[in-house]
Amino acid sequence: MLWLNPIDYKYLYLSKLFKKKLMTKYSDLQVHQGEDISFRLEIVDENGAVKDLTGLIARARFRKSYSSSNATTYSFSTSFGDNDPTLGLLDLTLTGELSDDIPRGRYVYDVFLLRDSSLDISEKILEGQIEVMPSVTSII
């Protein structure tokens, strides 16, 4: 289930079912240059119960294409919602300072959960395209 919170449009909520063999969810995102923006992912198990993310870390990156190995790669800051991994919330954040420096255009992104101790890839939970939109007014 994918929906925008009507009270705060900057938060994107994504419910994700965790099973043994997962299909990665796909979602397109938009970012305006110079804007602080956060996306919140809500991760649940196959029964709809909150997934405990204790012992995992998240990585979320984007670049012009999956195959562009020499292209600049940008990273979201990641944190657990309310600083509590047992809540199953993962926040992806870009500061206005960083988003202002990203050239406008389309990018591909993905989000991985990794085992904290070994940094092995545990699960690719989300992927899609990000469109960086220009802004007329400089916020920074």
Foldseek 3Di string as FASTA:
>chain_A
DWDADVVDRLEIEAEFEDDPDGDAAEDEAEAEALAKGKYKYFYAYPVRHGDQLPQKDKWKKKFADPPCPPTDIDTWDKAAVVNGSGRRMIMTIDHNVRSNPDDFDKMKMWMFIAGNPPRDTDDTHYIYMYGYHYDPDNPD
